[in-house]
C-alpha cells in the first residue's frame, strides 16, 4: 500500500551543467538545501551537484520511485530533452524549491 503525500523526482547538476544526478525526496526544499551545502555524501558531493535543474511532483511514493528509476536508466541525451521541456534555458531552480 502506498502513502499519499508530496514527493519529487529531481535532477541536480554542477555549475558547468556537465553532470546530472537524479533523485527522489519528500521535501524538495530540504533536499536542495542538503545538496547546496554538501551534506549529501557520495556522487553529488564528489561532483558538486548543488543546482536544481528539473523536478516532477507526485502524490504517490511508488510512482515517484518508479519514475526516478526510469529516468536514471535513460541516456544523457534523453535526460537533456526531458529537462528542456520545462527548463529550456537550463536555469538553476534552487530558489523555486524554497517556495514549494
Protein backbone atom coordinates (compact mmCIF):
# COMPACT_ATOMS: atom_id res chain seq x y z
CA UNK A 1 0.00 0.00 0.00
CA UNK A 2 1.40 3.38 -0.94
CA UNK A 3 1.17 6.50 1.17
CA UNK A 4 -0.20 9.73 -0.27
CA UNK A 5 1.95 12.76 0.34
CA UNK A 6 4.20 15.14 -1.57
CA UNK A 7 7.11 13.59 -3.44
CA UNK A 8 9.51 14.92 -6.03
CA UNK A 9 11.77 13.36 -8.60
CA UNK A 10 14.52 15.87 -9.23
CA UNK A 11 17.67 16.41 -11.24
CA UNK A 12 20.69 18.22 -9.84
CA UNK A 13 23.70 19.43 -11.80
CA UNK A 14 27.01 21.21 -11.22
CA UNK A 15 27.85 24.79 -12.19
CA UNK A 16 29.13 23.67 -15.60
CA UNK A 17 25.96 21.61 -16.22
CA UNK A 18 28.01 18.63 -17.40
CA UNK A 19 26.95 16.20 -14.64
CA UNK A 20 23.42 15.08 -13.79
CA UNK A 21 22.10 13.39 -10.67
CA UNK A 22 18.55 12.01 -10.43
CA UNK A 23 16.93 11.56 -7.03
CA UNK A 24 13.62 11.31 -5.18
CA UNK A 25 12.55 13.10 -1.99
CA UNK A 26 9.54 14.02 0.12
CA UNK A 27 10.90 17.56 0.69
CA UNK A 28 12.44 19.25 -2.31
CA UNK A 29 13.32 22.34 -0.28
CA UNK A 30 15.23 20.32 2.34
CA UNK A 31 16.93 18.10 -0.22
CA UNK A 32 18.12 21.02 -2.37
CA UNK A 33 19.50 22.68 0.79
CA UNK A 34 21.37 19.48 1.61
CA UNK A 35 22.85 19.29 -1.90
CA UNK A 36 23.74 23.02 -1.94
CA UNK A 37 25.65 22.66 1.30
CA UNK A 38 27.43 19.40 0.54
CA UNK A 39 25.52 17.48 3.20
CA UNK A 40 24.76 14.53 0.91
CA UNK A 41 27.69 12.11 0.78
CA UNK A 42 28.55 10.34 -2.45
CA UNK A 43 28.09 11.31 -6.07
CA UNK A 44 26.50 14.74 -5.60
CA UNK A 45 29.16 15.87 -3.14
CA UNK A 46 32.03 14.47 -5.21
CA UNK A 47 30.82 16.17 -8.40
CA UNK A 48 29.48 19.37 -6.78
CA UNK A 49 25.88 18.82 -7.88
CA UNK A 50 24.48 21.81 -5.98
CA UNK A 51 21.95 23.11 -8.53
CA UNK A 52 18.38 22.00 -9.12
CA UNK A 53 17.65 21.94 -12.83
CA UNK A 54 14.46 19.84 -13.08
CA UNK A 55 11.74 18.33 -10.91
CA UNK A 56 8.42 16.50 -11.13
CA UNK A 57 5.74 16.33 -8.44
CA UNK A 58 3.98 13.15 -7.28
CA UNK A 59 1.49 12.29 -4.54
CA UNK A 60 2.34 8.58 -4.54
CA UNK A 61 5.81 7.41 -3.45
CA UNK A 62 5.58 4.25 -5.57
CA UNK A 63 5.03 6.29 -8.75
CA UNK A 64 7.83 8.66 -7.78
CA UNK A 65 10.32 5.83 -7.22
CA UNK A 66 9.30 4.17 -10.48
CA UNK A 67 9.80 7.46 -12.35
CA UNK A 68 13.19 8.06 -10.69
CA UNK A 69 14.39 4.61 -11.77
CA UNK A 70 13.05 5.18 -15.28
CA UNK A 71 14.91 8.49 -15.70
CA UNK A 72 18.10 7.09 -14.14
CA UNK A 73 18.08 4.41 -16.84
CA UNK A 74 17.99 6.92 -19.67
CA UNK A 75 20.95 8.09 -21.72
CA UNK A 76 22.14 11.66 -21.19
CA UNK A 77 20.51 12.90 -24.39
CA UNK A 78 17.07 11.77 -23.25
CA UNK A 79 17.55 13.37 -19.82
CA UNK A 80 18.60 16.62 -21.51
CA UNK A 81 15.47 16.54 -23.69
CA UNK A 82 13.29 16.00 -20.61
CA UNK A 83 14.90 18.93 -18.78
CA UNK A 84 14.41 21.13 -21.86
CA UNK A 85 10.63 20.53 -21.80
CA UNK A 86 10.23 22.66 -18.68
CA UNK A 87 13.57 24.47 -18.37
CA UNK A 88 14.92 25.18 -21.88
CA UNK A 89 17.31 27.89 -20.63
CA UNK A 90 18.74 25.42 -18.07
CA UNK A 91 18.23 27.91 -15.23
CA UNK A 92 19.11 26.88 -11.71
CA UNK A 93 15.82 26.36 -9.83
CA UNK A 94 17.11 26.30 -6.25
CA UNK A 95 15.10 29.38 -5.25
CA UNK A 96 11.93 27.90 -6.73
CA UNK A 97 12.34 24.82 -4.50
CA UNK A 98 12.09 27.10 -1.46
CA UNK A 99 8.55 28.07 -2.46
CA UNK A 100 7.18 24.53 -2.87
